[in-house]
Protein backbone atom coordinates (compact mmCIF):
# COMPACT_ATOMS: atom_id res chain seq x y z
CA MET A 1 1.23 -41.12 73.32
CA LYS A 2 -2.42 -40.65 74.15
CA GLU A 3 -5.20 -41.48 71.74
CA LYS A 4 -7.03 -38.58 70.13
CA SER A 5 -10.79 -38.47 69.81
CA ILE A 6 -12.37 -38.39 66.40
CA LYS A 7 -13.64 -34.90 67.13
CA SER A 8 -10.16 -33.54 67.90
CA VAL A 9 -8.68 -35.23 64.83
CA ALA A 10 -11.43 -33.69 62.68
CA LYS A 11 -10.76 -30.24 64.17
CA GLU A 12 -7.05 -30.57 63.41
CA ALA A 13 -7.81 -31.60 59.83
CA LYS A 14 -10.18 -28.66 59.41
CA MET A 15 -7.51 -26.26 60.71
CA ARG A 16 -4.97 -27.68 58.25
CA LEU A 17 -7.41 -27.02 55.42
CA LYS A 18 -8.19 -23.50 56.65
CA ASN A 19 -4.52 -22.62 57.07
CA ARG A 20 -3.66 -23.85 53.58
CA PHE A 21 -1.37 -26.52 55.02
CA TRP A 22 -1.68 -28.83 52.02
CA GLU A 23 -1.24 -26.08 49.43
CA ASP A 24 1.94 -24.92 51.18
CA TYR A 25 3.11 -28.52 51.45
CA LYS A 26 2.59 -29.07 47.72
CA LYS A 27 4.54 -25.88 46.89
CA GLU A 28 7.44 -26.98 49.11
CA VAL A 29 7.51 -30.44 47.55
CA ASP A 30 7.34 -29.06 44.01
CA SER A 31 10.15 -26.56 44.61
CA GLY A 32 12.23 -29.29 46.28
CA VAL A 33 11.67 -31.69 43.38
CA LYS A 34 12.60 -28.97 40.88
CA LEU A 35 15.80 -28.20 42.78
CA ALA A 36 16.64 -31.90 43.08
CA LYS A 37 16.22 -32.37 39.32
CA GLU A 38 18.52 -29.42 38.70
CA GLU A 39 21.11 -30.98 41.01
CA GLY A 40 20.75 -34.35 39.28
CA LEU A 41 19.17 -36.10 42.28
CA ALA A 42 16.19 -38.41 42.38
CA PRO A 43 12.96 -36.52 43.10
CA SER A 44 11.66 -39.51 45.07
CA GLY A 45 14.14 -38.77 47.87
CA VAL A 46 12.80 -35.23 48.23
CA LYS A 47 9.21 -36.48 48.21
CA ASN A 48 10.01 -39.04 50.91
CA TYR A 49 11.76 -36.37 53.00
CA PHE A 50 8.72 -34.07 52.96
CA LYS A 51 6.32 -37.00 53.42
CA ASN A 52 8.19 -38.06 56.56
CA LEU A 53 8.11 -34.49 57.90
CA VAL A 54 4.35 -34.34 57.43
CA ILE A 55 3.79 -37.76 58.97
CA LYS A 56 5.81 -36.76 62.03
CA SER A 57 3.91 -33.49 62.38
CA LEU A 58 0.50 -35.16 61.99
CA ARG A 59 1.09 -38.23 64.13
CA GLY A 60 3.37 -36.57 66.57
CA VAL A 61 6.56 -38.07 67.88
CA SER A 62 7.20 -38.91 71.48
CA GLU A 63 9.06 -36.15 73.25
CA GLU A 64 11.63 -38.65 74.53
CA ASP A 65 12.45 -39.88 71.00
CA GLU A 66 12.67 -36.36 69.64
CA ASN A 67 14.97 -35.27 72.49
CA PHE A 68 17.21 -38.26 71.85
CA TYR A 69 17.35 -37.49 68.13
CA ASN A 70 18.20 -33.85 68.84
CA LYS A 71 21.01 -34.98 71.14
CA VAL A 72 22.40 -37.25 68.40
CA LYS A 73 22.00 -34.53 65.77
CA GLU A 74 23.81 -31.99 67.94
CA MET A 75 26.63 -34.44 68.61
CA LEU A 76 27.06 -35.28 64.92
CA ASP A 77 26.92 -31.64 63.86
CA GLU A 78 29.59 -30.71 66.42
CA GLU A 79 31.90 -33.55 65.43
CA GLY A 80 31.35 -33.37 61.69
CA ALA A 81 31.73 -37.16 61.72
CA ARG A 82 30.52 -40.14 63.70
CA PRO A 83 32.34 -40.27 67.02
CA CYS A 84 33.71 -43.60 68.18
CA ASP A 85 32.39 -43.03 71.71
CA ALA A 86 28.81 -42.11 70.74
CA LEU A 87 27.09 -44.58 73.07
CA ASP A 88 29.26 -43.46 75.95
CA ARG A 89 28.22 -39.86 75.33
CA LEU A 90 24.53 -40.74 75.01
CA MET A 91 24.12 -43.06 77.97
CA ASP A 92 22.90 -42.05 81.40
CA LYS A 93 25.95 -43.20 83.34
CA LYS A 94 24.35 -42.92 86.76
CA HIS A 95 21.49 -45.14 85.65
CA PHE A 96 23.83 -47.49 83.75
CA PHE A 97 26.07 -48.19 86.73
CA SER A 98 23.08 -48.89 88.98
CA LEU A 99 22.04 -51.83 86.76
CA SER A 100 23.01 -55.47 86.97
CA TYR A 101 25.22 -57.02 84.29
CA ALA A 102 22.29 -58.42 82.28
CA GLN A 103 20.37 -55.15 82.57
CA ARG A 104 23.45 -53.23 81.39
CA GLU A 105 23.65 -55.39 78.28
CA ARG A 106 19.96 -54.85 77.57
CA TYR A 107 20.37 -51.09 78.15
CA LEU A 108 23.30 -50.94 75.71
CA PHE A 109 21.44 -52.94 73.06
CA GLU A 110 18.39 -50.68 73.34
CA LEU A 111 20.55 -47.56 73.29
CA SER A 112 22.46 -48.74 70.24
CA GLU A 113 19.19 -49.55 68.46
CA LYS A 114 17.88 -46.05 69.18
CA TYR A 115 21.20 -44.57 68.06
CA LEU A 116 21.16 -46.47 64.75
CA LYS A 117 17.59 -45.31 64.06
CA ALA A 118 18.60 -41.73 64.84
CA LEU A 119 21.63 -42.07 62.52
CA GLU A 120 19.43 -43.35 59.72
CA ARG A 121 17.05 -40.44 60.18
CA TYR A 122 19.94 -37.97 60.39
CA ASP A 123 21.57 -39.26 57.21
CA GLY A 124 18.28 -39.12 55.31
CA GLU A 125 17.39 -35.63 56.47
CA ARG A 126 20.91 -34.24 56.08
CA GLY A 127 21.31 -35.52 52.54
CA ILE A 128 18.13 -33.85 51.37
CA GLU A 129 18.71 -30.68 53.42
CA ARG A 130 22.19 -30.23 51.91
CA CYS A 131 20.76 -30.70 48.43
CA LEU A 132 17.97 -28.19 49.03
CA GLY A 133 20.19 -25.77 50.93
CA LEU A 134 18.06 -25.90 54.08
């Protein structure tokens, strides 16, 4: 990710203020908290969900990470459960088989770490989205 200049960051902040970004955000959070209370869920989970959405939109997420998450999300939505061959489905087999034994191990460890992070994100987002009916 490239660094933004202070000027571009200030312009983005000004546009958020002009477009009522924060007012809309507050309305979404308040309606989500109200719905969560009605459902008997902790409002803090809803607040964290919306906070994480805003942080991702403001900071930006690397395209590679977002593509990987979308791949995991699609796979989990199709299956309805966690597949036992998830890493096999997610790996680049051509690249994997071109690596040495030690590199393959490293590749699998890194892939499993990314997968676990994506699962954690998926579980957090899905729980709140189901509650809010999103």
